[in-house]
Every structure is written in C-alpha cells, then in structure tokens.
C-alpha cells in the first residue's frame, strides 16, 4: 500500500521516505501560502509503511484532525492535516509509488517541458500539449509550476487536466500515474 495527499482536487503520491513540506524552495513539497513556514513539517513513512508527521517549529503550527501536534504524530487513512491555512487529506492507494527518493515538486525547465511521452494507443487521443502536461502531472509537478513554465494561467492547466481526465476516463492523480506507468511514460525507477 502507498499513500496519497489530497489538496482540494489535486492528489500527490507520498514518497516512501521522509520529506519536508513548506513554503521554501528547499521544501520537497512546496506550498505557496504565506501562512505556511519555509520548513513547516516533515512527513515520513516509517519502516512498517505507517505515515507520521512532525512539526518543524512552524509559526502557525501543524494540526491533525483539528488538534495541534507537539513533536510528531502517527497518521491514518482519512486524517486531515492542516499546515497554516492549507488543508491536506491522507488517502491510501494501492498503486506503486512513482516518486521514489526525488522531490515531490520540481522547478520546471524548458527541457522538461518539451519532453513528450511515447505515442501509444491509450495516449493517442491527447493533443501534443495535453501529452506534455500529462507527463508533468504524472511526475508530480504542481499545476501552478506547469502554468508558470508554459506562461499560462493555472486555470488553463486545470482545463487541460480536466480534458485529459475526460479523454482517458480518469478522475484522480493516482489513476493518471497508473496510466503513465502502464504506457511507459513513467517507470518505477524513474528519476524525474
């Protein structure tokens, strides 16, 4: 079993190691919100596969199901994690975890944007731009970062994401990652 964090309609696979969540550029998962500290909290999936969270001395605290945590706390399916004004929900998934030990979000470069997945029957219904966005979403890149790199609004990327979902008949990021793995766009040992 692997774990997913849901923030609104977006989902992100939780890497099977410790990673920092915060506003700073060095955070593994960057949350662009002034109420989130630069190094706000650390999520970890411990040896037996159970996730936990630790507050890193954040300004506004870390809350699990509305209760402030002191030190670290074990997490369970459905727990609501609040970092500043950002709410995340922990979900269990049964897909392989594609993130390995790389960052959960990566700054985008022109080289990464222009990478296009191999053409397969399954992805054949996507436009060239949708295939480019499909790859970046599967790699765990935030829609905000994709929009910035393409010079468009986040709403435009959300529209592409919706169209990709409709064409591939998927609803969650986990479904998108499963298709990326099945088509060879991602490999479990991929380093984005």
C-alpha atoms as a PDB file:
ATOM      1  CA  UNK A   1       0.000   0.000   0.000  1.00  0.00           C
ATOM      2  CA  UNK A   2       1.134   3.549  -0.690  1.00  0.00           C
ATOM      3  CA  UNK A   3      -0.167   6.920   0.448  1.00  0.00           C
ATOM      4  CA  UNK A   4      -1.570   9.965  -1.306  1.00  0.00           C
ATOM      5  CA  UNK A   5      -2.093  13.533  -0.090  1.00  0.00           C
ATOM      6  CA  UNK A   6      -5.175  15.284  -1.441  1.00  0.00           C
ATOM      7  CA  UNK A   7      -5.274  19.077  -1.550  1.00  0.00           C
ATOM      8  CA  UNK A   8      -8.618  20.133  -2.988  1.00  0.00           C
ATOM      9  CA  UNK A   9      -8.943  18.288  -6.303  1.00  0.00           C
ATOM     10  CA  UNK A  10      -5.214  17.617  -6.590  1.00  0.00           C
ATOM     11  CA  UNK A  11      -3.501  14.463  -5.375  1.00  0.00           C
ATOM     12  CA  UNK A  12       0.167  13.727  -4.785  1.00  0.00           C
ATOM     13  CA  UNK A  13       1.748  10.361  -4.080  1.00  0.00           C
ATOM     14  CA  UNK A  14       3.662  10.359  -0.783  1.00  0.00           C
ATOM     15  CA  UNK A  15       7.279   9.233  -1.255  1.00  0.00           C
ATOM     16  CA  UNK A  16       8.412   6.234   0.784  1.00  0.00           C
ATOM     17  CA  UNK A  17      10.891   8.313   2.792  1.00  0.00           C
ATOM     18  CA  UNK A  18      10.916  11.461   4.917  1.00  0.00           C
ATOM     19  CA  UNK A  19      10.214  14.704   3.107  1.00  0.00           C
ATOM     20  CA  UNK A  20       9.753  18.328   4.147  1.00  0.00           C
ATOM     21  CA  UNK A  21       6.599  20.314   3.422  1.00  0.00           C
ATOM     22  CA  UNK A  22       6.860  24.086   3.442  1.00  0.00           C
ATOM     23  CA  UNK A  23       6.897  27.348   1.555  1.00  0.00           C
ATOM     24  CA  UNK A  24      10.676  27.443   0.985  1.00  0.00           C
ATOM     25  CA  UNK A  25      12.419  26.494  -2.241  1.00  0.00           C
ATOM     26  CA  UNK A  26      14.255  23.677  -0.467  1.00  0.00           C
ATOM     27  CA  UNK A  27      10.992  22.013   0.633  1.00  0.00           C
ATOM     28  CA  UNK A  28      10.269  18.674  -1.038  1.00  0.00           C
ATOM     29  CA  UNK A  29       6.601  19.643  -1.298  1.00  0.00           C
ATOM     30  CA  UNK A  30       6.233  23.406  -1.787  1.00  0.00           C
ATOM     31  CA  UNK A  31       3.010  25.073  -0.642  1.00  0.00           C
ATOM     32  CA  UNK A  32       2.723  28.614  -1.981  1.00  0.00           C
ATOM     33  CA  UNK A  33       0.936  30.162   1.007  1.00  0.00           C
ATOM     34  CA  UNK A  34       2.230  32.834   3.399  1.00  0.00           C
ATOM     35  CA  UNK A  35       0.672  31.025   6.382  1.00  0.00           C
ATOM     36  CA  UNK A  36       2.993  28.056   5.776  1.00  0.00           C
ATOM     37  CA  UNK A  37       6.523  28.267   7.213  1.00  0.00           C
ATOM     38  CA  UNK A  38       9.523  27.736   4.923  1.00  0.00           C
ATOM     39  CA  UNK A  39      10.173  24.354   6.596  1.00  0.00           C
ATOM     40  CA  UNK A  40       6.796  23.697   8.168  1.00  0.00           C
ATOM     41  CA  UNK A  41       6.553  19.935   8.771  1.00  0.00           C
ATOM     42  CA  UNK A  42       8.197  16.640   7.895  1.00  0.00           C
ATOM     43  CA  UNK A  43       6.177  13.673   6.659  1.00  0.00           C
ATOM     44  CA  UNK A  44       7.715  10.233   6.880  1.00  0.00           C
ATOM     45  CA  UNK A  45       6.632   6.730   6.012  1.00  0.00           C
ATOM     46  CA  UNK A  46       8.331   4.596   8.642  1.00  0.00           C
ATOM     47  CA  UNK A  47       9.633   1.042   8.226  1.00  0.00           C
ATOM     48  CA  UNK A  48       6.271  -0.694   8.546  1.00  0.00           C
ATOM     49  CA  UNK A  49       4.691   1.629   5.962  1.00  0.00           C
ATOM     50  CA  UNK A  50       2.843   3.781   8.513  1.00  0.00           C
ATOM     51  CA  UNK A  51       2.990   7.528   7.840  1.00  0.00           C
ATOM     52  CA  UNK A  52       3.747  10.127  10.506  1.00  0.00           C
ATOM     53  CA  UNK A  53       4.109  13.907  10.600  1.00  0.00           C
ATOM     54  CA  UNK A  54       6.383  16.116  12.667  1.00  0.00           C
ATOM     55  CA  UNK A  55       6.059  19.877  13.153  1.00  0.00           C
ATOM     56  CA  UNK A  56       9.398  21.591  12.473  1.00  0.00           C
ATOM     57  CA  UNK A  57       8.797  24.572  14.765  1.00  0.00           C
ATOM     58  CA  UNK A  58       6.409  26.244  12.340  1.00  0.00           C
ATOM     59  CA  UNK A  59       4.939  29.691  13.037  1.00  0.00           C
ATOM     60  CA  UNK A  60       1.273  28.620  12.723  1.00  0.00           C
ATOM     61  CA  UNK A  61       1.529  25.008  13.880  1.00  0.00           C
ATOM     62  CA  UNK A  62       0.626  21.659  12.383  1.00  0.00           C
ATOM     63  CA  UNK A  63      -2.797  20.162  13.070  1.00  0.00           C
ATOM     64  CA  UNK A  64      -4.156  16.650  12.568  1.00  0.00           C
ATOM     65  CA  UNK A  65      -7.961  16.439  12.549  1.00  0.00           C
ATOM     66  CA  UNK A  66      -8.151  19.885  14.132  1.00  0.00           C
ATOM     67  CA  UNK A  67      -5.753  19.140  17.011  1.00  0.00           C
ATOM     68  CA  UNK A  68      -2.319  20.742  17.243  1.00  0.00           C
ATOM     69  CA  UNK A  69       0.508  18.232  17.330  1.00  0.00           C
ATOM     70  CA  UNK A  70       3.524  18.504  19.587  1.00  0.00           C
ATOM     71  CA  UNK A  71       6.563  16.728  18.195  1.00  0.00           C
ATOM     72  CA  UNK A  72       5.337  14.018  15.847  1.00  0.00           C
ATOM     73  CA  UNK A  73       2.073  12.155  15.358  1.00  0.00           C
ATOM     74  CA  UNK A  74       1.149   8.942  13.546  1.00  0.00           C
ATOM     75  CA  UNK A  75      -1.246   9.388  10.632  1.00  0.00           C
ATOM     76  CA  UNK A  76      -4.141   7.213   9.487  1.00  0.00           C
ATOM     77  CA  UNK A  77      -6.281   6.988   6.360  1.00  0.00           C
ATOM     78  CA  UNK A  78      -8.629   9.956   6.116  1.00  0.00           C
ATOM     79  CA  UNK A  79      -6.685  12.186   8.532  1.00  0.00           C
ATOM     80  CA  UNK A  80      -6.922  15.890   7.766  1.00  0.00           C
ATOM     81  CA  UNK A  81      -3.591  17.688   8.049  1.00  0.00           C
ATOM     82  CA  UNK A  82      -3.624  21.477   8.379  1.00  0.00           C
ATOM     83  CA  UNK A  83      -0.464  23.490   7.733  1.00  0.00           C
ATOM     84  CA  UNK A  84      -1.210  27.186   8.194  1.00  0.00           C
ATOM     85  CA  UNK A  85      -4.326  27.684   6.067  1.00  0.00           C
ATOM     86  CA  UNK A  86      -3.594  24.683   3.796  1.00  0.00           C
ATOM     87  CA  UNK A  87      -5.619  21.510   4.293  1.00  0.00           C
ATOM     88  CA  UNK A  88      -4.437  18.098   3.123  1.00  0.00           C
ATOM     89  CA  UNK A  89      -6.153  14.720   3.411  1.00  0.00           C
ATOM     90  CA  UNK A  90      -4.264  11.437   3.698  1.00  0.00           C
ATOM     91  CA  UNK A  91      -5.559   8.643   1.458  1.00  0.00           C
ATOM     92  CA  UNK A  92      -4.400   5.058   0.978  1.00  0.00           C
ATOM     93  CA  UNK A  93      -3.693   3.862  -2.544  1.00  0.00           C
ATOM     94  CA  UNK A  94      -2.673   0.530  -3.890  1.00  0.00           C
ATOM     95  CA  UNK A  95      -0.675   1.768  -6.899  1.00  0.00           C
ATOM     96  CA  UNK A  96       3.122   1.677  -6.901  1.00  0.00           C
ATOM     97  CA  UNK A  97       4.728   4.848  -5.539  1.00  0.00           C
ATOM     98  CA  UNK A  98       6.375   6.531  -8.537  1.00  0.00           C
ATOM     99  CA  UNK A  99       8.217   9.258  -6.641  1.00  0.00           C
ATOM    100  CA  UNK A 100      10.944   7.151  -5.064  1.00  0.00           C
ATOM    101  CA  UNK A 101      13.504   9.444  -3.454  1.00  0.00           C
ATOM    102  CA  UNK A 102      13.203  12.500  -5.680  1.00  0.00           C
ATOM    103  CA  UNK A 103      11.475  15.767  -4.787  1.00  0.00           C
ATOM    104  CA  UNK A 104       7.701  15.773  -4.819  1.00  0.00           C
ATOM    105  CA  UNK A 105       7.716  19.016  -6.799  1.00  0.00           C
ATOM    106  CA  UNK A 106      10.478  20.157  -9.100  1.00  0.00           C
ATOM    107  CA  UNK A 107      11.128  23.522 -10.700  1.00  0.00           C
ATOM    108  CA  UNK A 108      10.414  23.209 -14.397  1.00  0.00           C
ATOM    109  CA  UNK A 109      12.955  23.845 -17.118  1.00  0.00           C
ATOM    110  CA  UNK A 110      12.346  24.159 -20.842  1.00  0.00           C
ATOM    111  CA  UNK A 111      13.999  20.733 -21.276  1.00  0.00           C
ATOM    112  CA  UNK A 112      11.426  19.077 -19.020  1.00  0.00           C
ATOM    113  CA  UNK A 113       8.519  20.864 -20.698  1.00  0.00           C
ATOM    114  CA  UNK A 114       9.468  19.743 -24.186  1.00  0.00           C
ATOM    115  CA  UNK A 115       9.724  16.089 -23.195  1.00  0.00           C
ATOM    116  CA  UNK A 116       6.881  14.190 -24.786  1.00  0.00           C
ATOM    117  CA  UNK A 117       5.748  10.700 -23.848  1.00  0.00           C
ATOM    118  CA  UNK A 118       5.907   7.897 -26.374  1.00  0.00           C
ATOM    119  CA  UNK A 119       2.849   7.770 -28.584  1.00  0.00           C
ATOM    120  CA  UNK A 120       0.648   4.865 -27.557  1.00  0.00           C
ATOM    121  CA  UNK A 121      -2.888   3.903 -28.457  1.00  0.00           C
ATOM    122  CA  UNK A 122      -4.042   4.942 -24.985  1.00  0.00           C
ATOM    123  CA  UNK A 123      -2.470   8.408 -25.234  1.00  0.00           C
ATOM    124  CA  UNK A 124      -3.308   8.826 -28.916  1.00  0.00           C
ATOM    125  CA  UNK A 125      -6.455  10.802 -28.106  1.00  0.00           C
ATOM    126  CA  UNK A 126      -4.409  13.536 -26.374  1.00  0.00           C
ATOM    127  CA  UNK A 127      -3.144  16.617 -28.184  1.00  0.00           C
ATOM    128  CA  UNK A 128       0.589  17.334 -28.165  1.00  0.00           C
ATOM    129  CA  UNK A 129       0.164  19.919 -25.365  1.00  0.00           C
ATOM    130  CA  UNK A 130      -2.032  17.517 -23.367  1.00  0.00           C
ATOM    131  CA  UNK A 131       0.648  14.806 -23.673  1.00  0.00           C
ATOM    132  CA  UNK A 132       3.298  17.261 -22.418  1.00  0.00           C
ATOM    133  CA  UNK A 133       1.095  18.211 -19.463  1.00  0.00           C
ATOM    134  CA  UNK A 134       0.231  14.534 -18.859  1.00  0.00           C
ATOM    135  CA  UNK A 135       3.947  13.743 -18.394  1.00  0.00           C
ATOM    136  CA  UNK A 136       4.495  16.637 -15.988  1.00  0.00           C
ATOM    137  CA  UNK A 137       1.390  15.797 -13.936  1.00  0.00           C
ATOM    138  CA  UNK A 138       2.435  12.141 -13.754  1.00  0.00           C
ATOM    139  CA  UNK A 139       5.837  13.246 -12.469  1.00  0.00           C
ATOM    140  CA  UNK A 140       4.128  15.053  -9.602  1.00  0.00           C
ATOM    141  CA  UNK A 141       4.696  18.616 -10.824  1.00  0.00           C
ATOM    142  CA  UNK A 142       2.245  21.125  -9.337  1.00  0.00           C
ATOM    143  CA  UNK A 143      -0.227  22.663 -11.798  1.00  0.00           C
ATOM    144  CA  UNK A 144       0.916  26.111 -10.641  1.00  0.00           C
ATOM    145  CA  UNK A 145       4.509  25.289 -11.667  1.00  0.00           C
ATOM    146  CA  UNK A 146       3.398  23.899 -15.039  1.00  0.00           C
ATOM    147  CA  UNK A 147       1.354  27.056 -15.690  1.00  0.00           C
ATOM    148  CA  UNK A 148       4.322  29.262 -14.800  1.00  0.00           C
ATOM    149  CA  UNK A 149       6.648  27.312 -17.086  1.00  0.00           C
ATOM    150  CA  UNK A 150       4.232  27.458 -20.047  1.00  0.00           C
ATOM    151  CA  UNK A 151       3.383  31.113 -19.376  1.00  0.00           C
ATOM    152  CA  UNK A 152      -0.335  30.446 -18.934  1.00  0.00           C
ATOM    153  CA  UNK A 153      -2.757  30.608 -16.023  1.00  0.00           C
ATOM    154  CA  UNK A 154      -3.261  27.793 -13.548  1.00  0.00           C
ATOM    155  CA  UNK A 155      -6.878  27.685 -14.755  1.00  0.00           C
ATOM    156  CA  UNK A 156      -5.636  26.830 -18.273  1.00  0.00           C
ATOM    157  CA  UNK A 157      -3.627  23.903 -16.897  1.00  0.00           C
ATOM    158  CA  UNK A 158      -6.669  22.803 -14.856  1.00  0.00           C
ATOM    159  CA  UNK A 159      -8.716  22.842 -18.078  1.00  0.00           C
ATOM    160  CA  UNK A 160      -6.094  20.672 -19.803  1.00  0.00           C
ATOM    161  CA  UNK A 161      -6.095  18.349 -16.763  1.00  0.00           C
ATOM    162  CA  UNK A 162      -9.883  18.054 -16.967  1.00  0.00           C
ATOM    163  CA  UNK A 163      -9.743  17.263 -20.691  1.00  0.00           C
ATOM    164  CA  UNK A 164      -7.017  14.678 -20.114  1.00  0.00           C
ATOM    165  CA  UNK A 165      -9.217  13.106 -17.428  1.00  0.00           C
ATOM    166  CA  UNK A 166     -12.221  13.015 -19.744  1.00  0.00           C
ATOM    167  CA  UNK A 167     -10.285  11.552 -22.680  1.00  0.00           C
ATOM    168  CA  UNK A 168      -8.550   8.886 -20.560  1.00  0.00           C
ATOM    169  CA  UNK A 169     -11.567   8.345 -18.283  1.00  0.00           C
ATOM    170  CA  UNK A 170      -9.618   9.064 -15.099  1.00  0.00           C
ATOM    171  CA  UNK A 171     -10.561  11.080 -12.034  1.00  0.00           C
ATOM    172  CA  UNK A 172      -7.562  11.044  -9.691  1.00  0.00           C
ATOM    173  CA  UNK A 173      -3.828  11.638  -9.905  1.00  0.00           C
ATOM    174  CA  UNK A 174      -3.354   8.020  -8.821  1.00  0.00           C
ATOM    175  CA  UNK A 175      -5.293   6.918 -11.942  1.00  0.00           C
ATOM    176  CA  UNK A 176      -3.127   9.226 -14.060  1.00  0.00           C
ATOM    177  CA  UNK A 177       0.049   7.709 -12.575  1.00  0.00           C
ATOM    178  CA  UNK A 178      -1.249   4.174 -13.188  1.00  0.00           C
ATOM    179  CA  UNK A 179      -1.748   5.016 -16.876  1.00  0.00           C
ATOM    180  CA  UNK A 180       1.684   6.676 -17.035  1.00  0.00           C
ATOM    181  CA  UNK A 181       3.239   3.502 -15.624  1.00  0.00           C
ATOM    182  CA  UNK A 182       1.205   1.246 -17.937  1.00  0.00           C
ATOM    183  CA  UNK A 183       2.217   3.229 -21.049  1.00  0.00           C
ATOM    184  CA  UNK A 184       5.883   3.508 -20.085  1.00  0.00           C
ATOM    185  CA  UNK A 185       5.752   7.284 -19.586  1.00  0.00           C
ATOM    186  CA  UNK A 186       6.886   6.637 -16.009  1.00  0.00           C
ATOM    187  CA  UNK A 187       8.890   3.739 -14.707  1.00  0.00           C
ATOM    188  CA  UNK A 188       9.010   2.844 -11.003  1.00  0.00           C
ATOM    189  CA  UNK A 189      12.739   3.651 -11.014  1.00  0.00           C
ATOM    190  CA  UNK A 190      12.299   6.921 -12.999  1.00  0.00           C
ATOM    191  CA  UNK A 191      14.187   9.923 -11.722  1.00  0.00           C
ATOM    192  CA  UNK A 192      12.223  12.938 -12.914  1.00  0.00           C
END
